[in-house]
Amino acid sequence: MTDDRFYFRQLLSGRDFAEDNPMAAQMVNFVYLIGDRETKEAIVVDPAYDPAGILEVLEADGMTCVGMLGTHYHADHVGGSMMGFELQGAAELLEQINVPLHVQADEADFVKKVTGLTDVNLVQHNGSSAIDVGEIAIELLHTPGHTPGSQCFLVENRLVAGDTLFLQGCGRTDLPGGDPEQLYRSLTTVLSKVPDDAILFPGHQYSPAPSATMGQTRKDNFVFAPSSAEEWLAMFGA
């Protein structure tokens, strides 16, 4: 696979799309576009706030959306109800183009409740698996803890991590479906397969840099400081 075939873009809410949406600017979500420049096919990761604007970015790049990936069910990632607000997302994207939303089976009921989508709109995955976009292989890593069906995406030595892992910190576990012990296992076991030279791309810009190597993140991020599950839970399990 040649590097120029691989299509990858990191878009920041409130800046690269949804420019006039104060919540999008406040929440600093990242949306990712992953695809194959040769086949012109691409998939959208976490299409919240402004699906029409996201599709316009793809169109300007000569790409066509063939699917969506949801890192987890929270409305600032897939759209729906949040804190009394109704956020656009996967449901509104489906009004423009009929493509599936790939989620973990453990997350499906949450996604349907928040977005109003049905089983017809979802492709449910059980644990870690893979999908192809053109000739680009995307590995889906089931990383529960922030939510039951949180998932990260490993593609071309890039890890799109949603709210499982940030450059500084990790996803909270005190929301419905959160589990601190599961998150510890996801960070230290599931993500242990991700090499140090892979680039981490988080779900929010909660740090000055928008990305970093996994090696640097493991060195600098305080969530990797505990040496055991007991230590980790003592720090983050409350």
C-alpha atoms as a PDB file:
ATOM      1  CA  MET A   1       0.000   0.000   0.000  1.00  0.00           C
ATOM      2  CA  THR A   2       1.508   3.328  -1.030  1.00  0.00           C
ATOM      3  CA  ASP A   3       1.303   6.240   1.388  1.00  0.00           C
ATOM      4  CA  ASP A   4      -0.337   8.468  -1.199  1.00  0.00           C
ATOM      5  CA  ARG A   5      -3.243   6.040  -1.456  1.00  0.00           C
ATOM      6  CA  PHE A   6      -4.119   6.351   2.223  1.00  0.00           C
ATOM      7  CA  TYR A   7      -6.548   9.196   2.929  1.00  0.00           C
ATOM      8  CA  PHE A   8      -6.688  10.513   6.499  1.00  0.00           C
ATOM      9  CA  ARG A   9      -7.953  13.803   7.889  1.00  0.00           C
ATOM     10  CA  GLN A  10      -8.432  15.067  11.430  1.00  0.00           C
ATOM     11  CA  LEU A  11     -11.162  17.739  11.660  1.00  0.00           C
ATOM     12  CA  LEU A  12     -11.778  19.897  14.738  1.00  0.00           C
ATOM     13  CA  SER A  13     -15.343  20.876  15.605  1.00  0.00           C
ATOM     14  CA  GLY A  14     -15.983  24.606  15.644  1.00  0.00           C
ATOM     15  CA  ARG A  15     -12.983  25.230  13.388  1.00  0.00           C
ATOM     16  CA  ASP A  16     -13.010  22.821  10.424  1.00  0.00           C
ATOM     17  CA  PHE A  17     -16.775  22.229  10.467  1.00  0.00           C
ATOM     18  CA  ALA A  18     -19.742  23.494  12.516  1.00  0.00           C
ATOM     19  CA  GLU A  19     -17.951  26.853  12.656  1.00  0.00           C
ATOM     20  CA  ASP A  20     -21.045  28.705  13.894  1.00  0.00           C
ATOM     21  CA  ASN A  21     -21.963  26.161  16.584  1.00  0.00           C
ATOM     22  CA  PRO A  22     -20.879  27.350  20.074  1.00  0.00           C
ATOM     23  CA  MET A  23     -21.237  23.874  21.583  1.00  0.00           C
ATOM     24  CA  ALA A  24     -19.088  22.349  18.848  1.00  0.00           C
ATOM     25  CA  ALA A  25     -16.396  24.934  19.583  1.00  0.00           C
ATOM     26  CA  GLN A  26     -16.658  24.359  23.332  1.00  0.00           C
ATOM     27  CA  MET A  27     -16.541  20.565  23.151  1.00  0.00           C
ATOM     28  CA  VAL A  28     -13.520  20.485  20.767  1.00  0.00           C
ATOM     29  CA  ASN A  29     -14.447  17.127  19.273  1.00  0.00           C
ATOM     30  CA  PHE A  30     -12.372  15.574  16.543  1.00  0.00           C
ATOM     31  CA  VAL A  31     -13.968  13.925  13.522  1.00  0.00           C
ATOM     32  CA  TYR A  32     -11.814  11.666  11.371  1.00  0.00           C
ATOM     33  CA  LEU A  33     -12.038  10.836   7.683  1.00  0.00           C
ATOM     34  CA  ILE A  34     -10.352   7.593   6.624  1.00  0.00           C
ATOM     35  CA  GLY A  35     -10.281   6.269   3.101  1.00  0.00           C
ATOM     36  CA  ASP A  36      -8.673   5.042  -0.082  1.00  0.00           C
ATOM     37  CA  ARG A  37      -7.777   7.786  -2.572  1.00  0.00           C
ATOM     38  CA  GLU A  38      -7.678   5.288  -5.427  1.00  0.00           C
ATOM     39  CA  THR A  39     -11.245   4.017  -4.963  1.00  0.00           C
ATOM     40  CA  LYS A  40     -12.428   7.427  -3.645  1.00  0.00           C
ATOM     41  CA  GLU A  41     -14.180   5.686  -0.741  1.00  0.00           C
ATOM     42  CA  ALA A  42     -14.051   7.036   2.807  1.00  0.00           C
ATOM     43  CA  ILE A  43     -15.568   6.419   6.202  1.00  0.00           C
ATOM     44  CA  VAL A  44     -16.454   9.082   8.796  1.00  0.00           C
ATOM     45  CA  VAL A  45     -15.535   8.551  12.449  1.00  0.00           C
ATOM     46  CA  ASP A  46     -17.962  10.204  14.917  1.00  0.00           C
ATOM     47  CA  PRO A  47     -20.042  12.401  12.546  1.00  0.00           C
ATOM     48  CA  ALA A  48     -21.497  14.810  15.133  1.00  0.00           C
ATOM     49  CA  TYR A  49     -22.639  18.467  14.974  1.00  0.00           C
ATOM     50  CA  ASP A  50     -22.499  19.114  11.237  1.00  0.00           C
ATOM     51  CA  PRO A  51     -22.821  16.027   9.025  1.00  0.00           C
ATOM     52  CA  ALA A  52     -23.564  18.167   5.964  1.00  0.00           C
ATOM     53  CA  GLY A  53     -20.359  20.130   6.509  1.00  0.00           C
ATOM     54  CA  ILE A  54     -18.379  16.930   7.005  1.00  0.00           C
ATOM     55  CA  LEU A  55     -19.716  15.512   3.746  1.00  0.00           C
ATOM     56  CA  GLU A  56     -18.767  18.768   2.024  1.00  0.00           C
ATOM     57  CA  VAL A  57     -15.166  18.268   3.146  1.00  0.00           C
ATOM     58  CA  LEU A  58     -15.199  14.781   1.658  1.00  0.00           C
ATOM     59  CA  GLU A  59     -16.738  16.027  -1.572  1.00  0.00           C
ATOM     60  CA  ALA A  60     -14.132  18.783  -1.873  1.00  0.00           C
ATOM     61  CA  ASP A  61     -11.447  16.110  -1.522  1.00  0.00           C
ATOM     62  CA  GLY A  62     -13.073  14.014  -4.238  1.00  0.00           C
ATOM     63  CA  MET A  63     -14.123  11.316  -1.778  1.00  0.00           C
ATOM     64  CA  THR A  64     -17.449   9.538  -1.205  1.00  0.00           C
ATOM     65  CA  CYS A  65     -18.754   8.451   2.173  1.00  0.00           C
ATOM     66  CA  VAL A  66     -19.402   4.696   2.301  1.00  0.00           C
ATOM     67  CA  GLY A  67     -19.903   4.292   6.050  1.00  0.00           C
ATOM     68  CA  MET A  68     -19.578   5.622   9.568  1.00  0.00           C
ATOM     69  CA  LEU A  69     -17.658   4.428  12.605  1.00  0.00           C
ATOM     70  CA  GLY A  70     -18.858   5.337  16.089  1.00  0.00           C
ATOM     71  CA  THR A  71     -16.297   5.308  18.883  1.00  0.00           C
ATOM     72  CA  HIS A  72     -19.123   5.287  21.461  1.00  0.00           C
ATOM     73  CA  TYR A  73     -22.712   6.345  21.996  1.00  0.00           C
ATOM     74  CA  HIS A  74     -22.326   9.826  23.493  1.00  0.00           C
ATOM     75  CA  ALA A  75     -24.185  12.473  21.519  1.00  0.00           C
ATOM     76  CA  ASP A  76     -21.141  14.671  20.946  1.00  0.00           C
ATOM     77  CA  HIS A  77     -19.761  11.780  18.887  1.00  0.00           C
ATOM     78  CA  VAL A  78     -22.766  10.272  17.081  1.00  0.00           C
ATOM     79  CA  GLY A  79     -25.465  12.920  17.592  1.00  0.00           C
ATOM     80  CA  GLY A  80     -28.674  12.883  19.594  1.00  0.00           C
ATOM     81  CA  SER A  81     -29.760  14.202  22.968  1.00  0.00           C
ATOM     82  CA  MET A  82     -27.217  15.676  25.384  1.00  0.00           C
ATOM     83  CA  MET A  83     -27.777  18.060  28.322  1.00  0.00           C
ATOM     84  CA  GLY A  84     -31.066  19.295  26.876  1.00  0.00           C
ATOM     85  CA  PHE A  85     -29.582  19.884  23.430  1.00  0.00           C
ATOM     86  CA  GLU A  86     -30.288  17.964  20.257  1.00  0.00           C
ATOM     87  CA  LEU A  87     -27.089  17.461  18.294  1.00  0.00           C
ATOM     88  CA  GLN A  88     -26.995  16.488  14.653  1.00  0.00           C
ATOM     89  CA  GLY A  89     -25.052  13.373  13.813  1.00  0.00           C
ATOM     90  CA  ALA A  90     -25.390   9.942  12.288  1.00  0.00           C
ATOM     91  CA  ALA A  91     -29.170  10.171  11.804  1.00  0.00           C
ATOM     92  CA  GLU A  92     -28.881  13.415   9.836  1.00  0.00           C
ATOM     93  CA  LEU A  93     -26.005  12.055   7.761  1.00  0.00           C
ATOM     94  CA  LEU A  94     -28.231   9.114   6.835  1.00  0.00           C
ATOM     95  CA  GLU A  95     -30.802  11.562   5.475  1.00  0.00           C
ATOM     96  CA  GLN A  96     -28.213  12.558   2.861  1.00  0.00           C
ATOM     97  CA  ILE A  97     -26.553   9.231   2.100  1.00  0.00           C
ATOM     98  CA  ASN A  98     -27.605   5.716   3.097  1.00  0.00           C
ATOM     99  CA  VAL A  99     -24.554   4.150   4.740  1.00  0.00           C
ATOM    100  CA  PRO A 100     -24.158   1.929   7.818  1.00  0.00           C
ATOM    101  CA  LEU A 101     -22.900   2.971  11.238  1.00  0.00           C
ATOM    102  CA  HIS A 102     -20.444   0.433  12.658  1.00  0.00           C
ATOM    103  CA  VAL A 103     -20.695   0.002  16.436  1.00  0.00           C
ATOM    104  CA  GLN A 104     -19.883  -2.595  19.040  1.00  0.00           C
ATOM    105  CA  ALA A 105     -22.828  -4.851  19.903  1.00  0.00           C
ATOM    106  CA  ASP A 106     -22.454  -3.842  23.572  1.00  0.00           C
ATOM    107  CA  GLU A 107     -23.134  -0.259  22.493  1.00  0.00           C
ATOM    108  CA  ALA A 108     -26.018  -0.829  20.080  1.00  0.00           C
ATOM    109  CA  ASP A 109     -28.917  -0.229  22.477  1.00  0.00           C
ATOM    110  CA  PHE A 110     -27.281   2.952  23.782  1.00  0.00           C
ATOM    111  CA  VAL A 111     -26.723   4.218  20.229  1.00  0.00           C
ATOM    112  CA  LYS A 112     -30.308   3.491  19.223  1.00  0.00           C
ATOM    113  CA  LYS A 113     -31.698   5.239  22.304  1.00  0.00           C
ATOM    114  CA  VAL A 114     -29.584   8.373  21.856  1.00  0.00           C
ATOM    115  CA  THR A 115     -29.788   8.744  18.066  1.00  0.00           C
ATOM    116  CA  GLY A 116     -33.146   7.188  17.194  1.00  0.00           C
ATOM    117  CA  LEU A 117     -31.486   4.840  14.702  1.00  0.00           C
ATOM    118  CA  THR A 118     -32.638   1.236  14.344  1.00  0.00           C
ATOM    119  CA  ASP A 119     -30.924  -2.107  13.791  1.00  0.00           C
ATOM    120  CA  VAL A 120     -31.325  -1.560  10.045  1.00  0.00           C
ATOM    121  CA  ASN A 121     -28.872   1.342  10.244  1.00  0.00           C
ATOM    122  CA  LEU A 122     -26.248  -0.445  12.342  1.00  0.00           C
ATOM    123  CA  VAL A 123     -23.526  -2.993  11.706  1.00  0.00           C
ATOM    124  CA  GLN A 124     -22.805  -4.577  15.064  1.00  0.00           C
ATOM    125  CA  HIS A 125     -19.377  -5.994  15.885  1.00  0.00           C
ATOM    126  CA  ASN A 126     -18.602  -8.408  18.690  1.00  0.00           C
ATOM    127  CA  GLY A 127     -15.191  -7.634  20.082  1.00  0.00           C
ATOM    128  CA  SER A 128     -12.188  -6.693  18.007  1.00  0.00           C
ATOM    129  CA  SER A 129     -12.643  -7.131  14.268  1.00  0.00           C
ATOM    130  CA  ALA A 130     -11.795  -5.363  11.014  1.00  0.00           C
ATOM    131  CA  ILE A 131     -13.379  -3.628   8.065  1.00  0.00           C
ATOM    132  CA  ASP A 132     -11.975  -2.467   4.728  1.00  0.00           C
ATOM    133  CA  VAL A 133     -12.485   0.897   3.050  1.00  0.00           C
ATOM    134  CA  GLY A 134     -11.354   0.292  -0.485  1.00  0.00           C
ATOM    135  CA  GLU A 135      -8.034  -1.448   0.087  1.00  0.00           C
ATOM    136  CA  ILE A 136      -7.438   0.257   3.455  1.00  0.00           C
ATOM    137  CA  ALA A 137      -7.828  -2.119   6.407  1.00  0.00           C
ATOM    138  CA  ILE A 138      -9.169  -0.660   9.653  1.00  0.00           C
ATOM    139  CA  GLU A 139      -8.861  -2.741  12.816  1.00  0.00           C
ATOM    140  CA  LEU A 140     -11.660  -2.230  15.335  1.00  0.00           C
ATOM    141  CA  LEU A 141     -10.437  -2.637  18.922  1.00  0.00           C
ATOM    142  CA  HIS A 142     -13.117  -3.106  21.552  1.00  0.00           C
ATOM    143  CA  THR A 143     -11.989  -0.959  24.504  1.00  0.00           C
ATOM    144  CA  PRO A 144     -14.795  -0.878  27.107  1.00  0.00           C
ATOM    145  CA  GLY A 145     -14.588   1.286  30.190  1.00  0.00           C
ATOM    146  CA  HIS A 146     -15.641   4.786  29.187  1.00  0.00           C
ATOM    147  CA  THR A 147     -18.755   3.062  27.826  1.00  0.00           C
ATOM    148  CA  PRO A 148     -19.530  -0.668  27.343  1.00  0.00           C
ATOM    149  CA  GLY A 149     -18.934  -0.573  23.599  1.00  0.00           C
ATOM    150  CA  SER A 150     -16.192   2.006  23.269  1.00  0.00           C
ATOM    151  CA  GLN A 151     -13.905   1.147  20.382  1.00  0.00           C
ATOM    152  CA  CYS A 152     -10.650   2.442  18.921  1.00  0.00           C
ATOM    153  CA  PHE A 153      -9.528   2.165  15.311  1.00  0.00           C
ATOM    154  CA  LEU A 154      -6.019   1.135  14.273  1.00  0.00           C
ATOM    155  CA  VAL A 155      -5.191   2.019  10.676  1.00  0.00           C
ATOM    156  CA  GLU A 156      -1.831   2.529   8.974  1.00  0.00           C
ATOM    157  CA  ASN A 157      -0.062   2.871  12.348  1.00  0.00           C
ATOM    158  CA  ARG A 158      -2.539   5.475  13.572  1.00  0.00           C
ATOM    159  CA  LEU A 159      -4.813   4.905  16.567  1.00  0.00           C
ATOM    160  CA  VAL A 160      -8.098   6.801  16.521  1.00  0.00           C
ATOM    161  CA  ALA A 161      -9.036   6.442  20.173  1.00  0.00           C
ATOM    162  CA  GLY A 162     -12.294   8.318  20.751  1.00  0.00           C
ATOM    163  CA  ASP A 163     -12.670   8.969  24.482  1.00  0.00           C
ATOM    164  CA  THR A 164     -10.826   5.827  25.553  1.00  0.00           C
ATOM    165  CA  LEU A 165      -7.471   7.613  25.645  1.00  0.00           C
ATOM    166  CA  PHE A 166      -6.366  11.239  25.342  1.00  0.00           C
ATOM    167  CA  LEU A 167      -2.854  12.598  25.179  1.00  0.00           C
ATOM    168  CA  GLN A 168      -3.421  13.707  28.761  1.00  0.00           C
ATOM    169  CA  GLY A 169      -5.897  11.579  30.693  1.00  0.00           C
ATOM    170  CA  CYS A 170      -8.576   9.140  29.591  1.00  0.00           C
ATOM    171  CA  GLY A 171     -12.344   8.951  29.364  1.00  0.00           C
ATOM    172  CA  ARG A 172     -14.378   9.315  32.553  1.00  0.00           C
ATOM    173  CA  THR A 173     -16.138   6.247  33.951  1.00  0.00           C
ATOM    174  CA  ASP A 174     -18.899   7.815  36.049  1.00  0.00           C
ATOM    175  CA  LEU A 175     -21.437   8.074  33.219  1.00  0.00           C
ATOM    176  CA  PRO A 176     -23.997   5.339  32.352  1.00  0.00           C
ATOM    177  CA  GLY A 177     -22.162   2.204  31.294  1.00  0.00           C
ATOM    178  CA  GLY A 178     -18.773   3.344  32.581  1.00  0.00           C
ATOM    179  CA  ASP A 179     -16.520   0.857  34.340  1.00  0.00           C
ATOM    180  CA  PRO A 180     -13.085   1.876  35.697  1.00  0.00           C
ATOM    181  CA  GLU A 181     -11.754  -1.673  35.935  1.00  0.00           C
ATOM    182  CA  GLN A 182     -12.678  -2.355  32.327  1.00  0.00           C
ATOM    183  CA  LEU A 183     -11.004   0.866  31.233  1.00  0.00           C
ATOM    184  CA  TYR A 184      -7.789  -0.135  33.001  1.00  0.00           C
ATOM    185  CA  ARG A 185      -7.792  -3.447  31.141  1.00  0.00           C
ATOM    186  CA  SER A 186      -8.502  -1.712  27.842  1.00  0.00           C
ATOM    187  CA  LEU A 187      -5.623   0.717  28.317  1.00  0.00           C
ATOM    188  CA  THR A 188      -3.083  -1.828  29.515  1.00  0.00           C
ATOM    189  CA  THR A 189      -4.147  -4.995  27.695  1.00  0.00           C
ATOM    190  CA  VAL A 190      -6.093  -4.239  24.509  1.00  0.00           C
ATOM    191  CA  LEU A 191      -4.046  -1.171  23.602  1.00  0.00           C
ATOM    192  CA  SER A 192      -0.771  -2.866  24.569  1.00  0.00           C
ATOM    193  CA  LYS A 193      -0.671  -4.264  21.027  1.00  0.00           C
ATOM    194  CA  VAL A 194      -0.401  -0.733  19.612  1.00  0.00           C
ATOM    195  CA  PRO A 195       3.308   0.007  19.010  1.00  0.00           C
ATOM    196  CA  ASP A 196       5.087   2.966  20.534  1.00  0.00           C
ATOM    197  CA  ASP A 197       5.670   4.559  17.127  1.00  0.00           C
ATOM    198  CA  ALA A 198       1.952   4.575  16.289  1.00  0.00           C
ATOM    199  CA  ILE A 199       0.332   8.016  16.383  1.00  0.00           C
ATOM    200  CA  LEU A 200      -2.507   8.566  18.851  1.00  0.00           C
ATOM    201  CA  PHE A 201      -5.426  10.645  17.562  1.00  0.00           C
ATOM    202  CA  PRO A 202      -7.911  11.323  20.404  1.00  0.00           C
ATOM    203  CA  GLY A 203     -11.613  12.147  20.375  1.00  0.00           C
ATOM    204  CA  HIS A 204     -11.151  15.671  21.777  1.00  0.00           C
ATOM    205  CA  GLN A 205      -8.405  18.264  21.754  1.00  0.00           C
ATOM    206  CA  TYR A 206      -7.887  18.328  25.512  1.00  0.00           C
ATOM    207  CA  SER A 207      -4.164  19.080  25.151  1.00  0.00           C
ATOM    208  CA  PRO A 208      -2.169  21.640  23.158  1.00  0.00           C
ATOM    209  CA  ALA A 209      -1.066  19.071  20.575  1.00  0.00           C
ATOM    210  CA  PRO A 210      -3.699  17.293  18.454  1.00  0.00           C
ATOM    211  CA  SER A 211      -1.746  14.013  18.335  1.00  0.00           C
ATOM    212  CA  ALA A 212       1.324  12.265  19.733  1.00  0.00           C
ATOM    213  CA  THR A 213       3.085   8.935  19.502  1.00  0.00           C
ATOM    214  CA  MET A 214       1.856   6.173  21.752  1.00  0.00           C
ATOM    215  CA  GLY A 215       5.333   5.918  23.221  1.00  0.00           C
ATOM    216  CA  GLN A 216       5.296   9.561  24.249  1.00  0.00           C
ATOM    217  CA  THR A 217       1.748   9.210  25.574  1.00  0.00           C
ATOM    218  CA  ARG A 218       2.691   6.179  27.654  1.00  0.00           C
ATOM    219  CA  LYS A 219       5.601   8.167  29.058  1.00  0.00           C
ATOM    220  CA  ASP A 220       3.764  11.432  29.784  1.00  0.00           C
ATOM    221  CA  ASN A 221       0.134  10.492  30.447  1.00  0.00           C
ATOM    222  CA  PHE A 222      -0.516  10.011  34.173  1.00  0.00           C
ATOM    223  CA  VAL A 223      -3.052   7.221  33.522  1.00  0.00           C
ATOM    224  CA  PHE A 224      -0.125   4.918  32.731  1.00  0.00           C
ATOM    225  CA  ALA A 225       1.698   5.705  35.991  1.00  0.00           C
ATOM    226  CA  PRO A 226       0.050   3.024  38.195  1.00  0.00           C
ATOM    227  CA  SER A 227       1.804  -0.347  38.073  1.00  0.00           C
ATOM    228  CA  SER A 228      -1.220  -2.472  38.955  1.00  0.00           C
ATOM    229  CA  ALA A 229      -4.986  -2.562  38.665  1.00  0.00           C
ATOM    230  CA  GLU A 230      -5.254  -1.908  42.400  1.00  0.00           C
ATOM    231  CA  GLU A 231      -3.155   1.251  42.126  1.00  0.00           C
ATOM    232  CA  TRP A 232      -5.076   2.394  39.071  1.00  0.00           C
ATOM    233  CA  LEU A 233      -8.465   1.894  40.730  1.00  0.00           C
ATOM    234  CA  ALA A 234      -7.273   3.723  43.830  1.00  0.00           C
ATOM    235  CA  MET A 235      -6.474   6.721  41.642  1.00  0.00           C
ATOM    236  CA  PHE A 236      -9.249   6.588  39.059  1.00  0.00           C
ATOM    237  CA  GLY A 237     -11.936   4.233  40.348  1.00  0.00           C
ATOM    238  CA  ALA A 238     -13.934   6.727  42.390  1.00  0.00           C
END
